[in-house]
């Protein structure tokens, strides 16, 4: 893992889910709906949260714009980069370790 990717961790829960959702090119509304579905409606992204996170993810090269859709071309598509996938792998490993340690300390093994 590169140092830059490591410095992006830990992700906020919203940013984590946005990054995870981009297995295929999606526009903002598509991301909102997919995150809501994956989280069983526990996470409902507001537009400001979504687009702030998207801007940060693009500037850190974790996702990239993939073009535009729709008649007015206002819906921009985004896709996760390999660096974004690498960061997700790291976050999953980190979260699994945290969960295992918590279970162990609670005696829930």
N, C-alpha and C. Protein backbone atom coordinates (compact mmCIF):
# COMPACT_ATOMS: atom_id res chain seq x y z
N UNK A 1 0.84 -1.18 0.00
CA UNK A 1 0.00 0.00 0.00
C UNK A 1 0.88 1.24 0.00
N UNK A 2 0.53 2.17 -0.82
CA UNK A 2 1.32 3.39 -0.87
C UNK A 2 1.04 4.26 0.34
N UNK A 3 2.00 5.10 0.68
CA UNK A 3 1.84 5.98 1.84
C UNK A 3 0.66 6.92 1.71
N UNK A 4 0.42 7.42 0.49
CA UNK A 4 -0.69 8.35 0.29
C UNK A 4 -2.03 7.67 0.59
N UNK A 5 -2.19 6.44 0.16
CA UNK A 5 -3.43 5.70 0.43
C UNK A 5 -3.59 5.52 1.93
N UNK A 6 -2.52 5.12 2.59
CA UNK A 6 -2.55 4.90 4.03
C UNK A 6 -2.98 6.16 4.77
N UNK A 7 -2.55 7.33 4.30
CA UNK A 7 -2.90 8.59 4.96
C UNK A 7 -4.37 8.95 4.80
N UNK A 8 -5.07 8.33 3.88
CA UNK A 8 -6.50 8.60 3.69
C UNK A 8 -7.36 7.91 4.76
N UNK A 9 -6.79 6.96 5.46
CA UNK A 9 -7.50 6.19 6.47
C UNK A 9 -7.41 6.86 7.83
N UNK A 10 -8.42 6.78 8.65
CA UNK A 10 -9.69 6.09 8.43
C UNK A 10 -10.67 6.95 7.64
N UNK A 11 -11.52 6.29 6.89
CA UNK A 11 -12.56 6.98 6.15
C UNK A 11 -13.78 7.20 7.04
N UNK A 12 -14.53 8.26 6.76
CA UNK A 12 -15.82 8.39 7.43
C UNK A 12 -16.72 7.28 6.88
N UNK A 13 -17.75 6.97 7.60
CA UNK A 13 -18.66 5.92 7.15
C UNK A 13 -19.30 6.29 5.81
N UNK A 14 -19.69 7.54 5.64
CA UNK A 14 -20.29 7.97 4.38
C UNK A 14 -19.31 7.82 3.23
N UNK A 15 -18.07 8.26 3.42
CA UNK A 15 -17.06 8.17 2.37
C UNK A 15 -16.75 6.71 2.05
N UNK A 16 -16.66 5.88 3.07
CA UNK A 16 -16.43 4.45 2.87
C UNK A 16 -17.52 3.87 1.96
N UNK A 17 -18.77 4.13 2.28
CA UNK A 17 -19.87 3.57 1.50
C UNK A 17 -19.91 4.14 0.08
N UNK A 18 -19.59 5.41 -0.08
CA UNK A 18 -19.53 5.98 -1.43
C UNK A 18 -18.48 5.24 -2.25
N UNK A 19 -17.31 5.07 -1.68
CA UNK A 19 -16.22 4.40 -2.37
C UNK A 19 -16.58 2.94 -2.69
N UNK A 20 -17.17 2.24 -1.74
CA UNK A 20 -17.57 0.85 -1.95
C UNK A 20 -18.64 0.75 -3.04
N UNK A 21 -19.54 1.72 -3.10
CA UNK A 21 -20.65 1.65 -4.05
C UNK A 21 -20.21 1.74 -5.51
N UNK A 22 -19.04 2.26 -5.76
CA UNK A 22 -18.63 2.53 -7.14
C UNK A 22 -17.95 1.34 -7.81
N UNK A 23 -18.64 0.22 -7.85
CA UNK A 23 -18.17 -0.95 -8.57
C UNK A 23 -18.47 -0.84 -10.07
N UNK A 24 -19.31 0.10 -10.40
CA UNK A 24 -19.68 0.42 -11.78
C UNK A 24 -19.89 1.93 -11.83
N UNK A 25 -19.80 2.53 -13.01
CA UNK A 25 -20.02 3.98 -13.08
C UNK A 25 -21.42 4.36 -12.59
N UNK A 26 -21.46 5.31 -11.65
CA UNK A 26 -22.73 5.80 -11.11
C UNK A 26 -22.69 7.32 -11.03
N UNK A 27 -23.86 7.94 -11.13
CA UNK A 27 -23.98 9.37 -10.89
C UNK A 27 -24.43 9.57 -9.45
N UNK A 28 -24.49 10.80 -9.01
CA UNK A 28 -24.78 11.10 -7.62
C UNK A 28 -26.03 10.44 -7.08
N UNK A 29 -27.14 10.53 -7.80
CA UNK A 29 -28.38 9.93 -7.32
C UNK A 29 -28.24 8.41 -7.23
N UNK A 30 -27.54 7.81 -8.18
CA UNK A 30 -27.30 6.37 -8.16
C UNK A 30 -26.49 5.96 -6.95
N UNK A 31 -25.50 6.77 -6.60
CA UNK A 31 -24.68 6.51 -5.41
C UNK A 31 -25.56 6.59 -4.16
N UNK A 32 -26.37 7.63 -4.07
CA UNK A 32 -27.26 7.80 -2.90
C UNK A 32 -28.15 6.57 -2.72
N UNK A 33 -28.74 6.10 -3.79
CA UNK A 33 -29.66 4.96 -3.71
C UNK A 33 -28.90 3.67 -3.38
N UNK A 34 -27.73 3.47 -3.97
CA UNK A 34 -26.98 2.24 -3.71
C UNK A 34 -26.49 2.20 -2.26
N UNK A 35 -26.01 3.34 -1.74
CA UNK A 35 -25.57 3.40 -0.35
C UNK A 35 -26.73 3.13 0.58
N UNK A 36 -27.87 3.69 0.28
CA UNK A 36 -29.06 3.46 1.11
C UNK A 36 -29.43 1.97 1.10
N UNK A 37 -29.35 1.34 -0.05
CA UNK A 37 -29.66 -0.09 -0.16
C UNK A 37 -28.64 -0.94 0.59
N UNK A 38 -27.36 -0.67 0.39
CA UNK A 38 -26.31 -1.45 1.07
C UNK A 38 -26.40 -1.33 2.58
N UNK A 39 -26.74 -0.15 3.07
CA UNK A 39 -26.77 0.09 4.51
C UNK A 39 -28.15 -0.19 5.12
N UNK A 40 -29.04 -0.76 4.32
CA UNK A 40 -30.41 -1.04 4.78
C UNK A 40 -31.09 0.21 5.32
N UNK A 41 -30.90 1.32 4.60
CA UNK A 41 -31.47 2.64 4.90
C UNK A 41 -30.91 3.30 6.15
N UNK A 42 -29.85 2.75 6.71
CA UNK A 42 -29.23 3.36 7.88
C UNK A 42 -28.48 4.63 7.50
N UNK A 43 -27.92 4.65 6.29
CA UNK A 43 -27.18 5.82 5.82
C UNK A 43 -27.96 6.44 4.67
N UNK A 44 -28.32 7.70 4.87
CA UNK A 44 -29.01 8.47 3.83
C UNK A 44 -28.18 9.71 3.56
N UNK A 45 -27.51 9.69 2.42
CA UNK A 45 -26.59 10.76 2.08
C UNK A 45 -27.32 12.02 1.63
N UNK A 46 -26.97 13.14 2.23
CA UNK A 46 -27.46 14.44 1.76
C UNK A 46 -26.56 14.88 0.60
N UNK A 47 -27.09 15.72 -0.26
CA UNK A 47 -26.33 16.16 -1.44
C UNK A 47 -25.00 16.81 -1.05
N UNK A 48 -25.00 17.64 -0.02
CA UNK A 48 -23.78 18.30 0.41
C UNK A 48 -22.72 17.33 0.87
N UNK A 49 -23.13 16.32 1.63
CA UNK A 49 -22.21 15.29 2.09
C UNK A 49 -21.66 14.51 0.90
N UNK A 50 -22.55 14.12 0.00
CA UNK A 50 -22.15 13.34 -1.17
C UNK A 50 -21.15 14.10 -2.03
N UNK A 51 -21.49 15.31 -2.42
CA UNK A 51 -20.62 16.02 -3.36
C UNK A 51 -19.34 16.53 -2.71
N UNK A 52 -19.37 16.79 -1.42
CA UNK A 52 -18.13 17.11 -0.71
C UNK A 52 -17.19 15.92 -0.71
N UNK A 53 -17.74 14.73 -0.43
CA UNK A 53 -16.94 13.51 -0.44
C UNK A 53 -16.45 13.19 -1.85
N UNK A 54 -17.31 13.34 -2.84
CA UNK A 54 -16.90 13.08 -4.23
C UNK A 54 -15.74 13.98 -4.61
N UNK A 55 -15.83 15.27 -4.30
CA UNK A 55 -14.73 16.19 -4.63
C UNK A 55 -13.43 15.76 -3.98
N UNK A 56 -13.49 15.36 -2.72
CA UNK A 56 -12.31 14.90 -2.02
C UNK A 56 -11.76 13.61 -2.63
N UNK A 57 -12.64 12.66 -2.94
CA UNK A 57 -12.21 11.40 -3.53
C UNK A 57 -11.59 11.60 -4.91
N UNK A 58 -12.16 12.51 -5.70
CA UNK A 58 -11.58 12.80 -7.02
C UNK A 58 -10.21 13.47 -6.86
N UNK A 59 -10.10 14.45 -5.97
CA UNK A 59 -8.82 15.15 -5.81
C UNK A 59 -7.73 14.23 -5.27
N UNK A 60 -8.11 13.18 -4.54
CA UNK A 60 -7.15 12.21 -4.03
C UNK A 60 -6.97 11.01 -4.96
N UNK A 61 -7.58 11.09 -6.15
CA UNK A 61 -7.47 10.05 -7.18
C UNK A 61 -7.96 8.68 -6.72
N UNK A 62 -8.98 8.68 -5.86
CA UNK A 62 -9.59 7.44 -5.40
C UNK A 62 -10.80 7.06 -6.25
N UNK A 63 -11.40 8.07 -6.89
CA UNK A 63 -12.43 7.85 -7.91
C UNK A 63 -12.11 8.79 -9.06
N UNK A 64 -12.71 8.51 -10.23
CA UNK A 64 -12.49 9.37 -11.38
C UNK A 64 -13.79 9.59 -12.13
N UNK A 65 -13.94 10.77 -12.73
CA UNK A 65 -15.12 11.03 -13.55
C UNK A 65 -15.08 10.13 -14.79
N UNK A 66 -16.24 9.64 -15.20
CA UNK A 66 -16.32 8.72 -16.34
C UNK A 66 -17.21 9.27 -17.46
N UNK A 67 -17.52 10.54 -17.45
CA UNK A 67 -18.39 11.11 -18.46
C UNK A 67 -19.69 11.59 -17.86
N UNK A 68 -20.63 11.90 -18.73
CA UNK A 68 -21.92 12.45 -18.29
C UNK A 68 -23.04 11.71 -18.98
N UNK A 69 -24.22 11.71 -18.34
CA UNK A 69 -25.40 11.07 -18.92
C UNK A 69 -26.59 12.01 -18.83
N UNK A 70 -27.61 11.67 -19.56
CA UNK A 70 -28.83 12.47 -19.54
C UNK A 70 -28.85 13.49 -20.66
N UNK A 71 -30.04 13.98 -20.95
CA UNK A 71 -30.21 14.95 -22.02
C UNK A 71 -29.44 16.23 -21.76
N UNK A 72 -29.43 16.69 -20.53
CA UNK A 72 -28.76 17.96 -20.22
C UNK A 72 -27.29 17.76 -19.87
N UNK A 73 -26.83 16.51 -19.82
CA UNK A 73 -25.43 16.18 -19.49
C UNK A 73 -25.03 16.68 -18.11
N UNK A 74 -26.01 16.83 -17.22
CA UNK A 74 -25.73 17.32 -15.87
C UNK A 74 -25.34 16.21 -14.91
N UNK A 75 -25.63 14.97 -15.26
CA UNK A 75 -25.32 13.86 -14.37
C UNK A 75 -23.95 13.30 -14.71
N UNK A 76 -22.99 13.56 -13.83
CA UNK A 76 -21.64 13.07 -14.02
C UNK A 76 -21.52 11.67 -13.43
N UNK A 77 -20.87 10.79 -14.17
CA UNK A 77 -20.63 9.43 -13.70
C UNK A 77 -19.25 9.36 -13.05
N UNK A 78 -19.15 8.54 -12.00
CA UNK A 78 -17.89 8.34 -11.30
C UNK A 78 -17.62 6.86 -11.16
N UNK A 79 -16.34 6.51 -11.13
CA UNK A 79 -15.91 5.12 -10.98
C UNK A 79 -14.71 5.07 -10.04
N UNK A 80 -14.62 4.02 -9.25
CA UNK A 80 -13.51 3.85 -8.33
C UNK A 80 -12.23 3.52 -9.11
N UNK A 81 -11.11 4.04 -8.66
CA UNK A 81 -9.80 3.74 -9.25
C UNK A 81 -9.17 2.56 -8.52
N UNK A 82 -8.04 2.08 -9.03
CA UNK A 82 -7.33 0.99 -8.34
C UNK A 82 -6.86 1.47 -6.96
N UNK A 83 -6.45 2.74 -6.86
CA UNK A 83 -6.06 3.29 -5.55
C UNK A 83 -7.24 3.27 -4.59
N UNK A 84 -8.44 3.55 -5.09
CA UNK A 84 -9.64 3.49 -4.27
C UNK A 84 -9.93 2.08 -3.80
N UNK A 85 -9.74 1.10 -4.69
CA UNK A 85 -9.93 -0.30 -4.31
C UNK A 85 -8.91 -0.73 -3.27
N UNK A 86 -7.68 -0.26 -3.43
CA UNK A 86 -6.63 -0.57 -2.46
C UNK A 86 -6.98 -0.01 -1.09
N UNK A 87 -7.51 1.20 -1.06
CA UNK A 87 -7.91 1.81 0.21
C UNK A 87 -9.06 1.03 0.85
N UNK A 88 -10.01 0.58 0.06
CA UNK A 88 -11.11 -0.22 0.62
C UNK A 88 -10.57 -1.49 1.24
N UNK A 89 -9.66 -2.17 0.55
CA UNK A 89 -9.08 -3.40 1.10
C UNK A 89 -8.43 -3.13 2.46
N UNK A 90 -7.71 -2.02 2.54
CA UNK A 90 -7.06 -1.66 3.80
C UNK A 90 -8.10 -1.37 4.88
N UNK A 91 -9.13 -0.62 4.53
CA UNK A 91 -10.18 -0.28 5.50
C UNK A 91 -10.90 -1.54 6.00
N UNK A 92 -11.18 -2.48 5.10
CA UNK A 92 -11.85 -3.72 5.50
C UNK A 92 -10.97 -4.47 6.50
N UNK A 93 -9.68 -4.57 6.20
CA UNK A 93 -8.75 -5.25 7.10
C UNK A 93 -8.72 -4.55 8.47
N UNK A 94 -8.68 -3.23 8.45
CA UNK A 94 -8.63 -2.45 9.68
C UNK A 94 -9.91 -2.64 10.51
N UNK A 95 -11.05 -2.60 9.84
CA UNK A 95 -12.33 -2.76 10.53
C UNK A 95 -12.51 -4.18 11.06
N UNK A 96 -12.06 -5.18 10.30
CA UNK A 96 -12.14 -6.56 10.79
C UNK A 96 -11.29 -6.74 12.05
N UNK A 97 -10.11 -6.14 12.04
CA UNK A 97 -9.24 -6.22 13.22
C UNK A 97 -9.91 -5.55 14.42
N UNK A 98 -10.50 -4.40 14.21
CA UNK A 98 -11.19 -3.70 15.29
C UNK A 98 -12.34 -4.53 15.84
N UNK A 99 -13.13 -5.12 14.95
CA UNK A 99 -14.27 -5.94 15.39
C UNK A 99 -13.79 -7.16 16.17
N UNK A 100 -12.74 -7.82 15.68
CA UNK A 100 -12.21 -9.00 16.37
C UNK A 100 -11.70 -8.63 17.75
N UNK A 101 -11.00 -7.51 17.85
CA UNK A 101 -10.49 -7.07 19.16
C UNK A 101 -11.63 -6.73 20.11
N UNK A 102 -12.65 -6.08 19.60
CA UNK A 102 -13.81 -5.75 20.43
C UNK A 102 -14.51 -7.00 20.93
N UNK A 103 -14.74 -7.96 20.05
CA UNK A 103 -15.39 -9.21 20.44
C UNK A 103 -14.55 -9.94 21.48
N UNK A 104 -13.26 -9.97 21.27
CA UNK A 104 -12.36 -10.65 22.21
C UNK A 104 -12.43 -10.01 23.60
N UNK A 105 -12.39 -8.71 23.65
CA UNK A 105 -12.40 -8.01 24.93
C UNK A 105 -13.75 -8.10 25.62
N UNK A 106 -14.80 -8.30 24.85
CA UNK A 106 -16.14 -8.48 25.43
C UNK A 106 -16.42 -9.94 25.79
N UNK A 107 -15.52 -10.81 25.39
CA UNK A 107 -15.72 -12.24 25.64
C UNK A 107 -16.74 -12.87 24.72
N UNK A 108 -16.93 -12.27 23.54
CA UNK A 108 -17.93 -12.76 22.58
C UNK A 108 -17.32 -13.65 21.50
N UNK A 109 -16.21 -14.28 21.77
CA UNK A 109 -15.59 -15.13 20.73
C UNK A 109 -16.29 -16.42 20.59
